[in-house]
């Protein structure tokens, strides 16, 4: 299995604060696609937050506080599922994503 979430993890490490909204939406859609095959309790909550984040980022007036809250929620939820994923490589990728999101929130 190829390393999943690598693109997302790399984007987060480059910095979310400087990421354009369009690029962020692209990364969210990538993340949503990668989560389709992850069958772990908690994924639905992440998908809900991702949808909400995409909505916030495509709004005419982006609410920075709401985005930060969603990033914090995503960090916590991602951290929670990282340890429950059977594939060790995917688990490591998710843990890295969680750390990056926590730093950005």
N, C-alpha and C. Protein backbone atom coordinates (compact mmCIF):
# COMPACT_ATOMS: atom_id res chain seq x y z
N UNK A 1 0.85 -1.18 0.00
CA UNK A 1 0.00 0.00 0.00
C UNK A 1 0.90 1.24 0.00
N UNK A 2 0.63 2.20 -0.89
CA UNK A 2 1.45 3.40 -0.90
C UNK A 2 1.23 4.21 0.38
N UNK A 3 2.18 5.01 0.71
CA UNK A 3 2.05 5.85 1.90
C UNK A 3 0.90 6.83 1.68
N UNK A 4 -0.13 6.66 2.47
CA UNK A 4 -1.29 7.54 2.35
C UNK A 4 -1.09 8.76 3.23
N UNK A 5 -1.74 9.82 2.88
CA UNK A 5 -1.70 11.06 3.63
C UNK A 5 -0.37 11.79 3.52
N UNK A 6 0.56 11.30 2.72
CA UNK A 6 1.86 11.94 2.59
C UNK A 6 1.72 13.35 2.04
N UNK A 7 0.91 13.52 1.01
CA UNK A 7 0.71 14.84 0.41
C UNK A 7 0.15 15.82 1.44
N UNK A 8 -0.84 15.37 2.19
CA UNK A 8 -1.45 16.22 3.21
C UNK A 8 -0.43 16.56 4.30
N UNK A 9 0.29 15.57 4.76
CA UNK A 9 1.28 15.79 5.80
C UNK A 9 2.34 16.79 5.34
N UNK A 10 2.80 16.66 4.11
CA UNK A 10 3.79 17.59 3.58
C UNK A 10 3.23 19.01 3.51
N UNK A 11 1.98 19.15 3.11
CA UNK A 11 1.36 20.48 3.02
C UNK A 11 1.24 21.11 4.40
N UNK A 12 0.89 20.32 5.39
CA UNK A 12 0.76 20.84 6.75
C UNK A 12 2.12 21.29 7.27
N UNK A 13 3.16 20.52 6.99
CA UNK A 13 4.50 20.88 7.47
C UNK A 13 5.02 22.15 6.80
N UNK A 14 4.56 22.44 5.59
CA UNK A 14 4.97 23.68 4.92
C UNK A 14 4.32 24.89 5.56
N UNK A 15 3.20 24.68 6.24
CA UNK A 15 2.56 25.78 6.94
C UNK A 15 1.15 26.05 6.48
N UNK A 16 0.22 25.93 7.40
CA UNK A 16 -1.18 26.16 7.07
C UNK A 16 -1.51 27.64 7.00
N UNK A 17 -0.84 28.45 7.80
CA UNK A 17 -1.17 29.87 7.85
C UNK A 17 -0.89 30.58 6.53
N UNK A 18 0.09 30.10 5.80
CA UNK A 18 0.43 30.73 4.52
C UNK A 18 -0.25 30.04 3.34
N UNK A 19 -1.01 28.99 3.60
CA UNK A 19 -1.66 28.24 2.53
C UNK A 19 -2.89 28.99 2.02
N UNK A 20 -3.00 29.11 0.72
CA UNK A 20 -4.17 29.76 0.12
C UNK A 20 -5.41 28.90 0.38
N UNK A 21 -6.55 29.55 0.49
CA UNK A 21 -7.81 28.84 0.76
C UNK A 21 -8.08 27.77 -0.30
N UNK A 22 -7.82 28.09 -1.56
CA UNK A 22 -8.06 27.14 -2.64
C UNK A 22 -7.19 25.89 -2.47
N UNK A 23 -5.94 26.09 -2.09
CA UNK A 23 -5.03 24.97 -1.86
C UNK A 23 -5.49 24.16 -0.66
N UNK A 24 -5.94 24.85 0.39
CA UNK A 24 -6.44 24.17 1.58
C UNK A 24 -7.65 23.31 1.25
N UNK A 25 -8.55 23.82 0.44
CA UNK A 25 -9.73 23.05 0.03
C UNK A 25 -9.30 21.82 -0.75
N UNK A 26 -8.31 21.96 -1.60
CA UNK A 26 -7.79 20.83 -2.35
C UNK A 26 -7.23 19.76 -1.41
N UNK A 27 -6.51 20.20 -0.38
CA UNK A 27 -5.95 19.27 0.60
C UNK A 27 -7.06 18.59 1.41
N UNK A 28 -8.11 19.34 1.73
CA UNK A 28 -9.25 18.76 2.46
C UNK A 28 -9.89 17.67 1.61
N UNK A 29 -10.08 17.96 0.34
CA UNK A 29 -10.69 16.96 -0.55
C UNK A 29 -9.80 15.73 -0.68
N UNK A 30 -8.49 15.93 -0.71
CA UNK A 30 -7.55 14.81 -0.74
C UNK A 30 -7.70 13.97 0.53
N UNK A 31 -7.78 14.65 1.67
CA UNK A 31 -7.92 13.98 2.96
C UNK A 31 -9.22 13.19 3.00
N UNK A 32 -10.29 13.83 2.55
CA UNK A 32 -11.59 13.13 2.51
C UNK A 32 -11.49 11.86 1.68
N UNK A 33 -10.82 11.95 0.55
CA UNK A 33 -10.66 10.79 -0.33
C UNK A 33 -9.85 9.69 0.36
N UNK A 34 -8.79 10.06 1.06
CA UNK A 34 -7.96 9.08 1.76
C UNK A 34 -8.71 8.41 2.91
N UNK A 35 -9.63 9.12 3.52
CA UNK A 35 -10.38 8.57 4.64
C UNK A 35 -11.47 7.58 4.23
N UNK A 36 -11.80 7.54 2.96
CA UNK A 36 -12.87 6.65 2.49
C UNK A 36 -12.60 5.20 2.86
N UNK A 37 -11.34 4.79 2.84
CA UNK A 37 -10.99 3.40 3.10
C UNK A 37 -10.54 3.14 4.54
N UNK A 38 -10.58 4.14 5.40
CA UNK A 38 -10.17 3.96 6.79
C UNK A 38 -11.41 3.63 7.60
N UNK A 39 -11.43 2.40 8.10
CA UNK A 39 -12.60 1.91 8.84
C UNK A 39 -12.28 1.85 10.32
N UNK A 40 -12.31 3.01 10.96
CA UNK A 40 -11.99 3.12 12.38
C UNK A 40 -13.02 4.06 13.01
N UNK A 41 -13.41 3.74 14.22
CA UNK A 41 -14.33 4.62 14.95
C UNK A 41 -13.69 6.00 15.06
N UNK A 42 -14.44 7.01 14.73
CA UNK A 42 -13.95 8.38 14.81
C UNK A 42 -13.76 9.05 13.45
N UNK A 43 -13.73 8.25 12.40
CA UNK A 43 -13.51 8.81 11.06
C UNK A 43 -14.69 9.70 10.66
N UNK A 44 -15.89 9.31 11.00
CA UNK A 44 -17.07 10.11 10.64
C UNK A 44 -16.98 11.52 11.24
N UNK A 45 -16.50 11.62 12.48
CA UNK A 45 -16.33 12.93 13.10
C UNK A 45 -15.33 13.79 12.37
N UNK A 46 -14.26 13.16 11.90
CA UNK A 46 -13.26 13.89 11.12
C UNK A 46 -13.87 14.35 9.80
N UNK A 47 -14.63 13.48 9.16
CA UNK A 47 -15.26 13.85 7.90
C UNK A 47 -16.23 15.01 8.08
N UNK A 48 -16.95 15.02 9.19
CA UNK A 48 -17.87 16.12 9.48
C UNK A 48 -17.10 17.43 9.66
N UNK A 49 -16.00 17.38 10.41
CA UNK A 49 -15.18 18.57 10.61
C UNK A 49 -14.54 19.05 9.31
N UNK A 50 -14.11 18.11 8.48
CA UNK A 50 -13.52 18.49 7.19
C UNK A 50 -14.53 19.21 6.31
N UNK A 51 -15.75 18.70 6.30
CA UNK A 51 -16.80 19.35 5.51
C UNK A 51 -17.05 20.77 6.04
N UNK A 52 -17.11 20.91 7.37
CA UNK A 52 -17.34 22.23 7.97
C UNK A 52 -16.16 23.17 7.66
N UNK A 53 -14.95 22.64 7.71
CA UNK A 53 -13.77 23.46 7.42
C UNK A 53 -13.79 23.93 5.97
N UNK A 54 -14.14 23.03 5.08
CA UNK A 54 -14.21 23.40 3.65
C UNK A 54 -15.25 24.50 3.45
N UNK A 55 -16.37 24.39 4.13
CA UNK A 55 -17.41 25.41 4.04
C UNK A 55 -16.90 26.76 4.55
N UNK A 56 -16.18 26.74 5.68
CA UNK A 56 -15.63 27.98 6.25
C UNK A 56 -14.60 28.62 5.30
N UNK A 57 -13.78 27.78 4.68
CA UNK A 57 -12.72 28.30 3.83
C UNK A 57 -13.21 28.81 2.47
N UNK A 58 -14.40 28.40 2.08
CA UNK A 58 -14.95 28.86 0.80
C UNK A 58 -15.95 29.99 0.99
N UNK A 59 -16.15 30.43 2.22
CA UNK A 59 -17.06 31.53 2.50
C UNK A 59 -16.45 32.84 2.01
N UNK A 60 -17.29 33.83 1.73
CA UNK A 60 -16.80 35.13 1.29
C UNK A 60 -15.94 35.79 2.36
N UNK A 61 -16.35 35.65 3.62
CA UNK A 61 -15.61 36.22 4.74
C UNK A 61 -15.18 35.07 5.65
N UNK A 62 -13.90 34.71 5.61
CA UNK A 62 -13.40 33.56 6.37
C UNK A 62 -13.28 33.94 7.84
N UNK A 63 -13.92 33.14 8.69
CA UNK A 63 -13.90 33.33 10.14
C UNK A 63 -12.69 32.60 10.72
N UNK A 64 -11.62 33.34 10.96
CA UNK A 64 -10.37 32.75 11.44
C UNK A 64 -10.52 31.98 12.74
N UNK A 65 -11.33 32.49 13.66
CA UNK A 65 -11.53 31.81 14.94
C UNK A 65 -12.22 30.46 14.75
N UNK A 66 -13.22 30.44 13.88
CA UNK A 66 -13.93 29.18 13.60
C UNK A 66 -12.99 28.17 12.93
N UNK A 67 -12.14 28.66 12.05
CA UNK A 67 -11.18 27.77 11.38
C UNK A 67 -10.21 27.19 12.40
N UNK A 68 -9.72 28.02 13.32
CA UNK A 68 -8.80 27.52 14.36
C UNK A 68 -9.47 26.47 15.24
N UNK A 69 -10.72 26.69 15.58
CA UNK A 69 -11.45 25.71 16.40
C UNK A 69 -11.59 24.38 15.66
N UNK A 70 -11.89 24.46 14.37
CA UNK A 70 -12.01 23.23 13.58
C UNK A 70 -10.66 22.52 13.45
N UNK A 71 -9.59 23.28 13.29
CA UNK A 71 -8.26 22.68 13.21
C UNK A 71 -7.91 21.97 14.52
N UNK A 72 -8.26 22.59 15.65
CA UNK A 72 -8.00 21.97 16.95
C UNK A 72 -8.82 20.69 17.11
N UNK A 73 -10.07 20.74 16.69
CA UNK A 73 -10.93 19.56 16.76
C UNK A 73 -10.39 18.45 15.86
N UNK A 74 -9.98 18.81 14.65
CA UNK A 74 -9.41 17.83 13.73
C UNK A 74 -8.12 17.23 14.28
N UNK A 75 -7.31 18.05 14.92
CA UNK A 75 -6.06 17.55 15.51
C UNK A 75 -6.36 16.50 16.57
N UNK A 76 -7.28 16.80 17.44
CA UNK A 76 -7.64 15.87 18.52
C UNK A 76 -8.24 14.58 17.98
N UNK A 77 -9.17 14.71 17.05
CA UNK A 77 -9.83 13.52 16.48
C UNK A 77 -8.86 12.67 15.67
N UNK A 78 -7.96 13.33 14.95
CA UNK A 78 -6.98 12.60 14.16
C UNK A 78 -6.00 11.87 15.07
N UNK A 79 -5.60 12.53 16.13
CA UNK A 79 -4.70 11.90 17.11
C UNK A 79 -5.36 10.66 17.70
N UNK A 80 -6.65 10.77 17.99
CA UNK A 80 -7.38 9.65 18.58
C UNK A 80 -7.45 8.44 17.66
N UNK A 81 -7.63 8.66 16.37
CA UNK A 81 -7.75 7.50 15.48
C UNK A 81 -6.38 6.97 15.05
N UNK A 82 -5.35 7.80 15.13
CA UNK A 82 -4.02 7.38 14.66
C UNK A 82 -3.56 6.09 15.34
N UNK A 83 -3.81 5.97 16.62
CA UNK A 83 -3.39 4.78 17.35
C UNK A 83 -4.24 3.57 17.10
N UNK A 84 -5.38 3.75 16.46
CA UNK A 84 -6.30 2.64 16.23
C UNK A 84 -6.24 2.08 14.82
N UNK A 85 -5.49 2.71 13.96
CA UNK A 85 -5.37 2.25 12.58
C UNK A 85 -4.38 1.08 12.54
N UNK A 86 -4.76 0.01 11.89
CA UNK A 86 -3.91 -1.18 11.85
C UNK A 86 -2.63 -0.99 11.06
N UNK A 87 -2.70 -0.27 9.96
CA UNK A 87 -1.53 -0.05 9.12
C UNK A 87 -0.60 0.95 9.82
N UNK A 88 0.59 0.49 10.18
CA UNK A 88 1.52 1.31 10.94
C UNK A 88 1.93 2.58 10.20
N UNK A 89 2.12 2.47 8.89
CA UNK A 89 2.52 3.62 8.08
C UNK A 89 1.41 4.69 8.09
N UNK A 90 0.17 4.25 7.93
CA UNK A 90 -0.96 5.18 7.96
C UNK A 90 -1.08 5.81 9.35
N UNK A 91 -0.88 5.00 10.38
CA UNK A 91 -0.94 5.50 11.76
C UNK A 91 0.10 6.60 11.98
N UNK A 92 1.31 6.39 11.48
CA UNK A 92 2.37 7.40 11.61
C UNK A 92 2.01 8.68 10.86
N UNK A 93 1.47 8.52 9.66
CA UNK A 93 1.06 9.69 8.88
C UNK A 93 -0.01 10.49 9.61
N UNK A 94 -0.99 9.78 10.16
CA UNK A 94 -2.08 10.46 10.88
C UNK A 94 -1.56 11.17 12.13
N UNK A 95 -0.63 10.55 12.82
CA UNK A 95 -0.05 11.19 14.00
C UNK A 95 0.68 12.47 13.61
N UNK A 96 1.39 12.45 12.49
CA UNK A 96 2.07 13.65 12.01
C UNK A 96 1.09 14.74 11.63
N UNK A 97 0.00 14.35 11.01
CA UNK A 97 -1.04 15.32 10.65
C UNK A 97 -1.63 15.94 11.91
N UNK A 98 -1.91 15.11 12.89
CA UNK A 98 -2.48 15.60 14.16
C UNK A 98 -1.55 16.62 14.80
N UNK A 99 -0.26 16.32 14.83
CA UNK A 99 0.72 17.25 15.42
C UNK A 99 0.75 18.58 14.66
N UNK A 100 0.76 18.49 13.34
CA UNK A 100 0.78 19.71 12.53
C UNK A 100 -0.46 20.56 12.72
N UNK A 101 -1.61 19.90 12.79
CA UNK A 101 -2.86 20.64 13.00
C UNK A 101 -2.90 21.28 14.38
N UNK A 102 -2.39 20.56 15.37
CA UNK A 102 -2.37 21.12 16.74
C UNK A 102 -1.51 22.37 16.79
N UNK A 103 -0.39 22.35 16.10
CA UNK A 103 0.51 23.52 16.08
C UNK A 103 -0.13 24.70 15.36
N UNK A 104 -0.96 24.41 14.35
CA UNK A 104 -1.58 25.48 13.56
C UNK A 104 -2.82 26.07 14.22
N UNK A 105 -3.39 25.35 15.18
CA UNK A 105 -4.66 25.83 15.78
C UNK A 105 -4.44 26.73 16.96
